[in-house]
Amino acid sequence: MSKKIIGDLMREVQRIQSEMIRVQEEAKTKTVEASAGGGVVVAVANGAGEIVSIKIEKDVVNPDDIEMLQDLIVAAVNEALKRAQEMVQEEMAKLTGGLNIPNLGALGNLFGR
């Protein structure tokens, strides 16, 4: 492979890496919402995979059935985290043209960058 091709490839890898970092930073400010139990428990997650809030309707809080409330919270949180991950993956797919590039940073390291 010629040095020009390798240089061009490395510039493109660096550009994509920079864009990926930008997308990840932007994703931290975006949120998704998921609910369980017909909306009685709502979890909100950001693109960093963090739960930023949980809302629980008063009617669902029953001291005699804590297990149901716990199940609803887990369901809402898991769905919110799944949606947050999908949101980030969609943004990354736009950047990479749909190609799955799991170790893009390793490619830069391969060429000594």
PDB file of N, CA and C in Angstrom:
ATOM      1  N   MET A   1       0.847  -1.176   0.000  1.00  0.00           N
ATOM      2  CA  MET A   1       0.000   0.000   0.000  1.00  0.00           C
ATOM      3  C   MET A   1       0.890   1.235   0.000  1.00  0.00           C
ATOM      4  N   SER A   2       0.530   2.202  -0.806  1.00  0.00           N
ATOM      5  CA  SER A   2       1.364   3.395  -0.895  1.00  0.00           C
ATOM      6  C   SER A   2       1.186   4.270   0.349  1.00  0.00           C
ATOM      7  N   LYS A   3       2.196   5.100   0.585  1.00  0.00           N
ATOM      8  CA  LYS A   3       2.133   6.003   1.739  1.00  0.00           C
ATOM      9  C   LYS A   3       0.976   6.981   1.616  1.00  0.00           C
ATOM     10  N   LYS A   4       0.665   7.401   0.386  1.00  0.00           N
ATOM     11  CA  LYS A   4      -0.443   8.328   0.189  1.00  0.00           C
ATOM     12  C   LYS A   4      -1.757   7.679   0.587  1.00  0.00           C
ATOM     13  N   ILE A   5      -1.967   6.424   0.198  1.00  0.00           N
ATOM     14  CA  ILE A   5      -3.204   5.724   0.547  1.00  0.00           C
ATOM     15  C   ILE A   5      -3.301   5.549   2.056  1.00  0.00           C
ATOM     16  N   ILE A   6      -2.197   5.164   2.679  1.00  0.00           N
ATOM     17  CA  ILE A   6      -2.190   4.989   4.140  1.00  0.00           C
ATOM     18  C   ILE A   6      -2.453   6.330   4.825  1.00  0.00           C
ATOM     19  N   GLY A   7      -1.829   7.390   4.320  1.00  0.00           N
ATOM     20  CA  GLY A   7      -2.051   8.726   4.893  1.00  0.00           C
ATOM     21  C   GLY A   7      -3.498   9.158   4.753  1.00  0.00           C
ATOM     22  N   ASP A   8      -4.075   8.924   3.569  1.00  0.00           N
ATOM     23  CA  ASP A   8      -5.483   9.270   3.351  1.00  0.00           C
ATOM     24  C   ASP A   8      -6.386   8.462   4.278  1.00  0.00           C
ATOM     25  N   LEU A   9      -6.078   7.186   4.415  1.00  0.00           N
ATOM     26  CA  LEU A   9      -6.862   6.315   5.293  1.00  0.00           C
ATOM     27  C   LEU A   9      -6.787   6.801   6.738  1.00  0.00           C
ATOM     28  N   MET A  10      -5.602   7.170   7.173  1.00  0.00           N
ATOM     29  CA  MET A  10      -5.442   7.632   8.557  1.00  0.00           C
ATOM     30  C   MET A  10      -6.173   8.952   8.788  1.00  0.00           C
ATOM     31  N   ARG A  11      -6.151   9.843   7.818  1.00  0.00           N
ATOM     32  CA  ARG A  11      -6.893  11.101   7.965  1.00  0.00           C
ATOM     33  C   ARG A  11      -8.389  10.819   8.088  1.00  0.00           C
ATOM     34  N   GLU A  12      -8.875   9.869   7.304  1.00  0.00           N
ATOM     35  CA  GLU A  12     -10.297   9.519   7.369  1.00  0.00           C
ATOM     36  C   GLU A  12     -10.637   8.873   8.710  1.00  0.00           C
ATOM     37  N   VAL A  13      -9.759   7.993   9.207  1.00  0.00           N
ATOM     38  CA  VAL A  13      -9.974   7.371  10.515  1.00  0.00           C
ATOM     39  C   VAL A  13     -10.006   8.441  11.595  1.00  0.00           C
ATOM     40  N   GLN A  14      -9.088   9.378  11.545  1.00  0.00           N
ATOM     41  CA  GLN A  14      -9.056  10.454  12.542  1.00  0.00           C
ATOM     42  C   GLN A  14     -10.309  11.322  12.464  1.00  0.00           C
ATOM     43  N   ARG A  15     -10.770  11.586  11.248  1.00  0.00           N
ATOM     44  CA  ARG A  15     -11.992  12.382  11.087  1.00  0.00           C
ATOM     45  C   ARG A  15     -13.180  11.658  11.696  1.00  0.00           C
ATOM     46  N   ILE A  16     -13.280  10.367  11.413  1.00  0.00           N
ATOM     47  CA  ILE A  16     -14.396   9.588  11.952  1.00  0.00           C
ATOM     48  C   ILE A  16     -14.293   9.491  13.474  1.00  0.00           C
ATOM     49  N   GLN A  17     -13.086   9.296  13.992  1.00  0.00           N
ATOM     50  CA  GLN A  17     -12.904   9.249  15.449  1.00  0.00           C
ATOM     51  C   GLN A  17     -13.354  10.557  16.090  1.00  0.00           C
ATOM     52  N   SER A  18     -12.976  11.675  15.494  1.00  0.00           N
ATOM     53  CA  SER A  18     -13.374  12.983  16.035  1.00  0.00           C
ATOM     54  C   SER A  18     -14.888  13.138  16.004  1.00  0.00           C
ATOM     55  N   GLU A  19     -15.498  12.727  14.911  1.00  0.00           N
ATOM     56  CA  GLU A  19     -16.958  12.810  14.799  1.00  0.00           C
ATOM     57  C   GLU A  19     -17.636  11.893  15.812  1.00  0.00           C
ATOM     58  N   MET A  20     -17.060  10.714  16.035  1.00  0.00           N
ATOM     59  CA  MET A  20     -17.640   9.787  17.015  1.00  0.00           C
ATOM     60  C   MET A  20     -17.602  10.387  18.413  1.00  0.00           C
ATOM     61  N   ILE A  21     -16.517  11.031  18.737  1.00  0.00           N
ATOM     62  CA  ILE A  21     -16.406  11.689  20.049  1.00  0.00           C
ATOM     63  C   ILE A  21     -17.455  12.789  20.165  1.00  0.00           C
ATOM     64  N   ARG A  22     -17.621  13.563  19.090  1.00  0.00           N
ATOM     65  CA  ARG A  22     -18.627  14.626  19.089  1.00  0.00           C
ATOM     66  C   ARG A  22     -20.030  14.052  19.279  1.00  0.00           C
ATOM     67  N   VAL A  23     -20.334  12.976  18.565  1.00  0.00           N
ATOM     68  CA  VAL A  23     -21.654  12.333  18.679  1.00  0.00           C
ATOM     69  C   VAL A  23     -21.870  11.817  20.095  1.00  0.00           C
ATOM     70  N   GLN A  24     -20.844  11.205  20.678  1.00  0.00           N
ATOM     71  CA  GLN A  24     -20.973  10.687  22.046  1.00  0.00           C
ATOM     72  C   GLN A  24     -21.215  11.820  23.044  1.00  0.00           C
ATOM     73  N   GLU A  25     -20.521  12.937  22.865  1.00  0.00           N
ATOM     74  CA  GLU A  25     -20.718  14.080  23.756  1.00  0.00           C
ATOM     75  C   GLU A  25     -22.123  14.656  23.603  1.00  0.00           C
ATOM     76  N   GLU A  26     -22.586  14.761  22.363  1.00  0.00           N
ATOM     77  CA  GLU A  26     -23.941  15.258  22.128  1.00  0.00           C
ATOM     78  C   GLU A  26     -24.984  14.313  22.712  1.00  0.00           C
ATOM     79  N   ALA A  27     -24.720  13.016  22.632  1.00  0.00           N
ATOM     80  CA  ALA A  27     -25.670  12.018  23.129  1.00  0.00           C
ATOM     81  C   ALA A  27     -25.893  12.154  24.633  1.00  0.00           C
ATOM     82  N   LYS A  28     -24.884  12.643  25.339  1.00  0.00           N
ATOM     83  CA  LYS A  28     -25.022  12.831  26.785  1.00  0.00           C
ATOM     84  C   LYS A  28     -26.113  13.840  27.111  1.00  0.00           C
ATOM     85  N   THR A  29     -26.395  14.729  26.170  1.00  0.00           N
ATOM     86  CA  THR A  29     -27.396  15.766  26.415  1.00  0.00           C
ATOM     87  C   THR A  29     -28.782  15.366  25.921  1.00  0.00           C
ATOM     88  N   LYS A  30     -28.862  14.277  25.174  1.00  0.00           N
ATOM     89  CA  LYS A  30     -30.146  13.811  24.644  1.00  0.00           C
ATOM     90  C   LYS A  30     -30.725  12.755  25.574  1.00  0.00           C
ATOM     91  N   THR A  31     -32.044  12.743  25.674  1.00  0.00           N
ATOM     92  CA  THR A  31     -32.692  11.769  26.546  1.00  0.00           C
ATOM     93  C   THR A  31     -33.772  10.999  25.797  1.00  0.00           C
ATOM     94  N   VAL A  32     -34.048   9.820  26.329  1.00  0.00           N
ATOM     95  CA  VAL A  32     -35.152   9.001  25.850  1.00  0.00           C
ATOM     96  C   VAL A  32     -35.969   8.591  27.067  1.00  0.00           C
ATOM     97  N   GLU A  33     -37.212   8.267  26.826  1.00  0.00           N
ATOM     98  CA  GLU A  33     -38.134   7.942  27.915  1.00  0.00           C
ATOM     99  C   GLU A  33     -38.780   6.596  27.634  1.00  0.00           C
ATOM    100  N   ALA A  34     -38.983   5.831  28.693  1.00  0.00           N
ATOM    101  CA  ALA A  34     -39.691   4.558  28.574  1.00  0.00           C
ATOM    102  C   ALA A  34     -40.577   4.398  29.802  1.00  0.00           C
ATOM    103  N   SER A  35     -41.701   3.714  29.595  1.00  0.00           N
ATOM    104  CA  SER A  35     -42.619   3.534  30.715  1.00  0.00           C
ATOM    105  C   SER A  35     -42.988   2.066  30.857  1.00  0.00           C
ATOM    106  N   ALA A  36     -43.550   1.754  32.012  1.00  0.00           N
ATOM    107  CA  ALA A  36     -44.039   0.405  32.295  1.00  0.00           C
ATOM    108  C   ALA A  36     -45.354   0.535  33.047  1.00  0.00           C
ATOM    109  N   GLY A  37     -46.158  -0.512  32.951  1.00  0.00           N
ATOM    110  CA  GLY A  37     -47.430  -0.510  33.664  1.00  0.00           C
ATOM    111  C   GLY A  37     -48.399   0.526  33.137  1.00  0.00           C
ATOM    112  N   GLY A  38     -48.364   0.750  31.837  1.00  0.00           N
ATOM    113  CA  GLY A  38     -49.275   1.735  31.263  1.00  0.00           C
ATOM    114  C   GLY A  38     -48.918   3.159  31.620  1.00  0.00           C
ATOM    115  N   GLY A  39     -47.655   3.389  31.936  1.00  0.00           N
ATOM    116  CA  GLY A  39     -47.196   4.749  32.221  1.00  0.00           C
ATOM    117  C   GLY A  39     -47.134   5.090  33.694  1.00  0.00           C
ATOM    118  N   VAL A  40     -47.375   4.131  34.577  1.00  0.00           N
ATOM    119  CA  VAL A  40     -47.330   4.440  36.008  1.00  0.00           C
ATOM    120  C   VAL A  40     -45.895   4.585  36.511  1.00  0.00           C
ATOM    121  N   VAL A  41     -44.944   3.986  35.774  1.00  0.00           N
ATOM    122  CA  VAL A  41     -43.529   4.176  36.074  1.00  0.00           C
ATOM    123  C   VAL A  41     -42.863   4.629  34.783  1.00  0.00           C
ATOM    124  N   VAL A  42     -42.150   5.746  34.854  1.00  0.00           N
ATOM    125  CA  VAL A  42     -41.475   6.295  33.681  1.00  0.00           C
ATOM    126  C   VAL A  42     -40.005   6.506  34.042  1.00  0.00           C
ATOM    127  N   ALA A  43     -39.123   5.981  33.181  1.00  0.00           N
ATOM    128  CA  ALA A  43     -37.683   6.177  33.367  1.00  0.00           C
ATOM    129  C   ALA A  43     -37.151   6.983  32.196  1.00  0.00           C
ATOM    130  N   VAL A  44     -36.242   7.903  32.504  1.00  0.00           N
ATOM    131  CA  VAL A  44     -35.603   8.727  31.480  1.00  0.00           C
ATOM    132  C   VAL A  44     -34.108   8.450  31.547  1.00  0.00           C
ATOM    133  N   ALA A  45     -33.518   8.133  30.369  1.00  0.00           N
ATOM    134  CA  ALA A  45     -32.085   7.859  30.288  1.00  0.00           C
ATOM    135  C   ALA A  45     -31.462   8.794  29.266  1.00  0.00           C
ATOM    136  N   ASN A  46     -30.162   9.057  29.445  1.00  0.00           N
ATOM    137  CA  ASN A  46     -29.460   9.875  28.453  1.00  0.00           C
ATOM    138  C   ASN A  46     -28.595   8.975  27.573  1.00  0.00           C
ATOM    139  N   GLY A  47     -27.975   9.581  26.582  1.00  0.00           N
ATOM    140  CA  GLY A  47     -27.162   8.832  25.638  1.00  0.00           C
ATOM    141  C   GLY A  47     -25.879   8.283  26.223  1.00  0.00           C
ATOM    142  N   ALA A  48     -25.551   8.661  27.450  1.00  0.00           N
ATOM    143  CA  ALA A  48     -24.385   8.102  28.130  1.00  0.00           C
ATOM    144  C   ALA A  48     -24.761   6.831  28.882  1.00  0.00           C
ATOM    145  N   GLY A  49     -26.026   6.432  28.774  1.00  0.00           N
ATOM    146  CA  GLY A  49     -26.472   5.221  29.452  1.00  0.00           C
ATOM    147  C   GLY A  49     -26.728   5.422  30.931  1.00  0.00           C
ATOM    148  N   GLU A  50     -27.069   6.640  31.297  1.00  0.00           N
ATOM    149  CA  GLU A  50     -27.361   6.958  32.694  1.00  0.00           C
ATOM    150  C   GLU A  50     -28.854   7.226  32.846  1.00  0.00           C
ATOM    151  N   ILE A  51     -29.425   6.743  33.934  1.00  0.00           N
ATOM    152  CA  ILE A  51     -30.814   7.066  34.256  1.00  0.00           C
ATOM    153  C   ILE A  51     -30.796   8.456  34.880  1.00  0.00           C
ATOM    154  N   VAL A  52     -31.554   9.378  34.288  1.00  0.00           N
ATOM    155  CA  VAL A  52     -31.552  10.754  34.796  1.00  0.00           C
ATOM    156  C   VAL A  52     -32.782  11.056  35.647  1.00  0.00           C
ATOM    157  N   SER A  53     -33.843  10.249  35.475  1.00  0.00           N
ATOM    158  CA  SER A  53     -34.995  10.430  36.353  1.00  0.00           C
ATOM    159  C   SER A  53     -35.908   9.215  36.283  1.00  0.00           C
ATOM    160  N   ILE A  54     -36.657   9.060  37.355  1.00  0.00           N
ATOM    161  CA  ILE A  54     -37.696   8.033  37.436  1.00  0.00           C
ATOM    162  C   ILE A  54     -38.922   8.699  38.050  1.00  0.00           C
ATOM    163  N   LYS A  55     -40.059   8.522  37.380  1.00  0.00           N
ATOM    164  CA  LYS A  55     -41.322   9.070  37.897  1.00  0.00           C
ATOM    165  C   LYS A  55     -42.236   7.890  38.217  1.00  0.00           C
ATOM    166  N   ILE A  56     -42.865   7.958  39.379  1.00  0.00           N
ATOM    167  CA  ILE A  56     -43.761   6.886  39.822  1.00  0.00           C
ATOM    168  C   ILE A  56     -45.087   7.512  40.241  1.00  0.00           C
ATOM    169  N   GLU A  57     -46.171   7.036  39.644  1.00  0.00           N
ATOM    170  CA  GLU A  57     -47.504   7.512  40.031  1.00  0.00           C
ATOM    171  C   GLU A  57     -47.804   7.038  41.456  1.00  0.00           C
ATOM    172  N   LYS A  58     -48.404   7.903  42.252  1.00  0.00           N
ATOM    173  CA  LYS A  58     -48.715   7.574  43.643  1.00  0.00           C
ATOM    174  C   LYS A  58     -49.600   6.338  43.764  1.00  0.00           C
ATOM    175  N   ASP A  59     -50.491   6.164  42.811  1.00  0.00           N
ATOM    176  CA  ASP A  59     -51.454   5.053  42.884  1.00  0.00           C
ATOM    177  C   ASP A  59     -50.781   3.686  42.861  1.00  0.00           C
ATOM    178  N   VAL A  60     -49.599   3.584  42.276  1.00  0.00           N
ATOM    179  CA  VAL A  60     -48.941   2.290  42.136  1.00  0.00           C
ATOM    180  C   VAL A  60     -48.135   1.915  43.385  1.00  0.00           C
ATOM    181  N   VAL A  61     -47.956   2.867  44.292  1.00  0.00           N
ATOM    182  CA  VAL A  61     -47.194   2.603  45.505  1.00  0.00           C
ATOM    183  C   VAL A  61     -48.104   1.919  46.526  1.00  0.00           C
ATOM    184  N   ASN A  62     -47.901   0.624  46.634  1.00  0.00           N
ATOM    185  CA  ASN A  62     -48.683  -0.192  47.562  1.00  0.00           C
ATOM    186  C   ASN A  62     -47.704  -0.933  48.466  1.00  0.00           C
ATOM    187  N   PRO A  63     -47.657  -0.578  49.759  1.00  0.00           N
ATOM    188  CA  PRO A  63     -46.701  -1.220  50.663  1.00  0.00           C
ATOM    189  C   PRO A  63     -46.874  -2.739  50.741  1.00  0.00           C
ATOM    190  N   ASP A  64     -48.061  -3.230  50.388  1.00  0.00           N
ATOM    191  CA  ASP A  64     -48.296  -4.669  50.432  1.00  0.00           C
ATOM    192  C   ASP A  64     -47.856  -5.374  49.151  1.00  0.00           C
ATOM    193  N   ASP A  65     -47.451  -4.611  48.125  1.00  0.00           N
ATOM    194  CA  ASP A  65     -47.036  -5.220  46.869  1.00  0.00           C
ATOM    195  C   ASP A  65     -45.821  -4.491  46.299  1.00  0.00           C
ATOM    196  N   ILE A  66     -44.780  -4.425  47.093  1.00  0.00           N
ATOM    197  CA  ILE A  66     -43.538  -3.760  46.684  1.00  0.00           C
ATOM    198  C   ILE A  66     -42.917  -4.466  45.473  1.00  0.00           C
ATOM    199  N   GLU A  67     -43.061  -5.784  45.395  1.00  0.00           N
ATOM    200  CA  GLU A  67     -42.471  -6.540  44.293  1.00  0.00           C
ATOM    201  C   GLU A  67     -42.976  -6.054  42.934  1.00  0.00           C
ATOM    202  N   MET A  68     -44.264  -5.744  42.851  1.00  0.00           N
ATOM    203  CA  MET A  68     -44.805  -5.259  41.586  1.00  0.00           C
ATOM    204  C   MET A  68     -44.161  -3.925  41.207  1.00  0.00           C
ATOM    205  N   LEU A  69     -44.043  -3.035  42.174  1.00  0.00           N
ATOM    206  CA  LEU A  69     -43.416  -1.745  41.916  1.00  0.00           C
ATOM    207  C   LEU A  69     -41.962  -1.926  41.478  1.00  0.00           C
ATOM    208  N   GLN A  70     -41.256  -2.805  42.145  1.00  0.00           N
ATOM    209  CA  GLN A  70     -39.872  -3.068  41.771  1.00  0.00           C
ATOM    210  C   GLN A  70     -39.785  -3.595  40.339  1.00  0.00           C
ATOM    211  N   ASP A  71     -40.672  -4.511  39.982  1.00  0.00           N
ATOM    212  CA  ASP A  71     -40.696  -5.066  38.623  1.00  0.00           C
ATOM    213  C   ASP A  71     -40.971  -3.969  37.584  1.00  0.00           C
ATOM    214  N   LEU A  72     -41.902  -3.070  37.904  1.00  0.00           N
ATOM    215  CA  LEU A  72     -42.218  -1.980  36.982  1.00  0.00           C
ATOM    216  C   LEU A  72     -41.022  -1.039  36.798  1.00  0.00           C
ATOM    217  N   ILE A  73     -40.340  -0.764  37.891  1.00  0.00           N
ATOM    218  CA  ILE A  73     -39.162   0.111  37.815  1.00  0.00           C
ATOM    219  C   ILE A  73     -38.079  -0.540  36.961  1.00  0.00           C
ATOM    220  N   VAL A  74     -37.815  -1.807  37.206  1.00  0.00           N
ATOM    221  CA  VAL A  74     -36.795  -2.519  36.429  1.00  0.00           C
ATOM    222  C   VAL A  74     -37.170  -2.528  34.950  1.00  0.00           C
ATOM    223  N   ALA A  75     -38.428  -2.797  34.639  1.00  0.00           N
ATOM    224  CA  ALA A  75     -38.871  -2.836  33.242  1.00  0.00           C
ATOM    225  C   ALA A  75     -38.690  -1.479  32.569  1.00  0.00           C
ATOM    226  N   ALA A  76     -39.086  -0.417  33.246  1.00  0.00           N
ATOM    227  CA  ALA A  76     -38.971   0.927  32.667  1.00  0.00           C
ATOM    228  C   ALA A  76     -37.507   1.326  32.486  1.00  0.00           C
ATOM    229  N   VAL A  77     -36.684   1.030  33.472  1.00  0.00           N
ATOM    230  CA  VAL A  77     -35.259   1.376  33.388  1.00  0.00           C
ATOM    231  C   VAL A  77     -34.582   0.598  32.265  1.00  0.00           C
ATOM    232  N   ASN A  78     -34.844  -0.694  32.188  1.00  0.00           N
ATOM    233  CA  ASN A  78     -34.221  -1.493  31.129  1.00  0.00           C
ATOM    234  C   ASN A  78     -34.634  -1.007  29.745  1.00  0.00           C
ATOM    235  N   GLU A  79     -35.885  -0.673  29.574  1.00  0.00           N
ATOM    236  CA  GLU A  79     -36.352  -0.181  28.276  1.00  0.00           C
ATOM    237  C   GLU A  79     -35.738   1.180  27.960  1.00  0.00           C
ATOM    238  N   ALA A  80     -35.619   2.048  28.960  1.00  0.00           N
ATOM    239  CA  ALA A  80     -35.007   3.365  28.735  1.00  0.00           C
ATOM    240  C   ALA A  80     -33.539   3.217  28.335  1.00  0.00           C
ATOM    241  N   LEU A  81     -32.816   2.325  29.003  1.00  0.00           N
ATOM    242  CA  LEU A  81     -31.413   2.104  28.660  1.00  0.00           C
ATOM    243  C   LEU A  81     -31.273   1.514  27.258  1.00  0.00           C
ATOM    244  N   LYS A  82     -32.178   0.605  26.911  1.00  0.00           N
ATOM    245  CA  LYS A  82     -32.168   0.016  25.567  1.00  0.00           C
ATOM    246  C   LYS A  82     -32.398   1.102  24.516  1.00  0.00           C
ATOM    247  N   ARG A  83     -33.363   1.973  24.761  1.00  0.00           N
ATOM    248  CA  ARG A  83     -33.660   3.051  23.817  1.00  0.00           C
ATOM    249  C   ARG A  83     -32.498   4.036  23.706  1.00  0.00           C
ATOM    250  N   ALA A  84     -31.840   4.305  24.824  1.00  0.00           N
ATOM    251  CA  ALA A  84     -30.687   5.212  24.798  1.00  0.00           C
ATOM    252  C   ALA A  84     -29.566   4.612  23.954  1.00  0.00           C
ATOM    253  N   GLN A  85     -29.322   3.330  24.126  1.00  0.00           N
ATOM    254  CA  GLN A  85     -28.293   2.652  23.347  1.00  0.00           C
ATOM    255  C   GLN A  85     -28.647   2.669  21.859  1.00  0.00           C
ATOM    256  N   GLU A  86     -29.899   2.412  21.537  1.00  0.00           N
ATOM    257  CA  GLU A  86     -30.337   2.443  20.143  1.00  0.00           C
ATOM    258  C   GLU A  86     -30.178   3.836  19.549  1.00  0.00           C
ATOM    259  N   MET A  87     -30.474   4.868  20.343  1.00  0.00           N
ATOM    260  CA  MET A  87     -30.333   6.240  19.881  1.00  0.00           C
ATOM    261  C   MET A  87     -28.880   6.520  19.493  1.00  0.00           C
ATOM    262  N   VAL A  88     -27.946   6.123  20.347  1.00  0.00           N
ATOM    263  CA  VAL A  88     -26.528   6.354  20.069  1.00  0.00           C
ATOM    264  C   VAL A  88     -26.087   5.538  18.857  1.00  0.00           C
ATOM    265  N   GLN A  89     -26.531   4.294  18.775  1.00  0.00           N
ATOM    266  CA  GLN A  89     -26.167   3.459  17.632  1.00  0.00           C
ATOM    267  C   GLN A  89     -26.679   4.050  16.318  1.00  0.00           C
ATOM    268  N   GLU A  90     -27.876   4.602  16.336  1.00  0.00           N
ATOM    269  CA  GLU A  90     -28.422   5.237  15.134  1.00  0.00           C
ATOM    270  C   GLU A  90     -27.576   6.434  14.712  1.00  0.00           C
ATOM    271  N   GLU A  91     -27.145   7.231  15.685  1.00  0.00           N
ATOM    272  CA  GLU A  91     -26.306   8.387  15.373  1.00  0.00           C
ATOM    273  C   GLU A  91     -24.953   7.944  14.824  1.00  0.00           C
ATOM    274  N   MET A  92     -24.390   6.888  15.410  1.00  0.00           N
ATOM    275  CA  MET A  92     -23.104   6.368  14.936  1.00  0.00           C
ATOM    276  C   MET A  92     -23.250   5.772  13.537  1.00  0.00           C
ATOM    277  N   ALA A  93     -24.369   5.120  13.270  1.00  0.00           N
ATOM    278  CA  ALA A  93     -24.597   4.527  11.946  1.00  0.00           C
ATOM    279  C   ALA A  93     -24.651   5.611  10.874  1.00  0.00           C
ATOM    280  N   LYS A  94     -25.225   6.763  11.217  1.00  0.00           N
ATOM    281  CA  LYS A  94     -25.241   7.886  10.273  1.00  0.00           C
ATOM    282  C   LYS A  94     -23.813   8.317   9.940  1.00  0.00           C
ATOM    283  N   LEU A  95     -22.970   8.298  10.948  1.00  0.00           N
ATOM    284  CA  LEU A  95     -21.590   8.740  10.809  1.00  0.00           C
ATOM    285  C   LEU A  95     -20.758   7.759   9.988  1.00  0.00           C
ATOM    286  N   THR A  96     -20.965   6.478  10.203  1.00  0.00           N
ATOM    287  CA  THR A  96     -20.143   5.452   9.544  1.00  0.00           C
ATOM    288  C   THR A  96     -20.808   4.878   8.308  1.00  0.00           C
ATOM    289  N   GLY A  97     -21.927   5.454   7.915  1.00  0.00           N
ATOM    290  CA  GLY A  97     -22.623   4.951   6.737  1.00  0.00           C
ATOM    291  C   GLY A  97     -23.218   3.578   6.959  1.00  0.00           C
ATOM    292  N   GLY A  98     -23.529   3.252   8.201  1.00  0.00           N
ATOM    293  CA  GLY A  98     -24.140   1.965   8.519  1.00  0.00           C
ATOM    294  C   GLY A  98     -23.145   0.860   8.786  1.00  0.00           C
ATOM    295  N   LEU A  99     -21.857   1.138   8.590  1.00  0.00           N
ATOM    296  CA  LEU A  99     -20.848   0.120   8.858  1.00  0.00           C
ATOM    297  C   LEU A  99     -20.641  -0.011  10.352  1.00  0.00           C
ATOM    298  N   ASN A 100     -20.534  -1.240  10.826  1.00  0.00           N
ATOM    299  CA  ASN A 100     -20.253  -1.481  12.233  1.00  0.00           C
ATOM    300  C   ASN A 100     -18.743  -1.511  12.403  1.00  0.00           C
ATOM    301  N   ILE A 101     -18.198  -0.486  13.044  1.00  0.00           N
ATOM    302  CA  ILE A 101     -16.756  -0.383  13.241  1.00  0.00           C
ATOM    303  C   ILE A 101     -16.500  -0.384  14.747  1.00  0.00           C
ATOM    304  N   PRO A 102     -16.461  -1.582  15.364  1.00  0.00           N
ATOM    305  CA  PRO A 102     -16.395  -1.649  16.820  1.00  0.00           C
ATOM    306  C   PRO A 102     -15.115  -1.108  17.435  1.00  0.00           C
ATOM    307  N   ASN A 103     -13.968  -1.249  16.774  1.00  0.00           N
ATOM    308  CA  ASN A 103     -12.695  -0.822  17.358  1.00  0.00           C
ATOM    309  C   ASN A 103     -12.007   0.205  16.469  1.00  0.00           C
ATOM    310  N   LEU A 104     -12.722   1.251  16.130  1.00  0.00           N
ATOM    311  CA  LEU A 104     -12.175   2.270  15.259  1.00  0.00           C
ATOM    312  C   LEU A 104     -10.903   2.877  15.866  1.00  0.00           C
ATOM    313  N   GLY A 105     -10.902   3.063  17.168  1.00  0.00           N
ATOM    314  CA  GLY A 105      -9.710   3.618  17.831  1.00  0.00           C
ATOM    315  C   GLY A 105      -8.510   2.714  17.688  1.00  0.00           C
ATOM    316  N   ALA A 106      -8.724   1.405  17.668  1.00  0.00           N
ATOM    317  CA  ALA A 106      -7.623   0.463  17.511  1.00  0.00           C
ATOM    318  C   ALA A 106      -6.988   0.589  16.135  1.00  0.00           C
ATOM    319  N   LEU A 107      -7.772   0.952  15.125  1.00  0.00           N
ATOM    320  CA  LEU A 107      -7.224   1.129  13.787  1.00  0.00           C
ATOM    321  C   LEU A 107      -6.218   2.270  13.774  1.00  0.00           C
ATOM    322  N   GLY A 108      -6.541   3.334  14.466  1.00  0.00           N
ATOM    323  CA  GLY A 108      -5.585   4.448  14.566  1.00  0.00           C
ATOM    324  C   GLY A 108      -4.314   4.016  15.267  1.00  0.00           C
ATOM    325  N   ASN A 109      -4.446   3.195  16.315  1.00  0.00           N
ATOM    326  CA  ASN A 109      -3.279   2.710  17.032  1.00  0.00           C
ATOM    327  C   ASN A 109      -2.428   1.795  16.167  1.00  0.00           C
ATOM    328  N   LEU A 110      -3.076   1.050  15.271  1.00  0.00           N
ATOM    329  CA  LEU A 110      -2.377   0.136  14.388  1.00  0.00           C
ATOM    330  C   LEU A 110      -1.368   0.884  13.521  1.00  0.00           C
ATOM    331  N   PHE A 111      -1.729   2.085  13.120  1.00  0.00           N
ATOM    332  CA  PHE A 111      -0.861   2.877  12.262  1.00  0.00           C
ATOM    333  C   PHE A 111      -0.023   3.871  13.050  1.00  0.00           C
ATOM    334  N   GLY A 112       0.032   3.670  14.371  1.00  0.00           N
ATOM    335  CA  GLY A 112       0.884   4.503  15.195  1.00  0.00           C
ATOM    336  C   GLY A 112       0.335   5.880  15.490  1.00  0.00           C
ATOM    337  N   ARG A 113      -0.975   6.047  15.448  1.00  0.00           N
ATOM    338  CA  ARG A 113      -1.594   7.356  15.720  1.00  0.00           C
ATOM    339  C   ARG A 113      -2.207   7.343  17.085  1.00  0.00           C
TER     340      ARG A 113
END
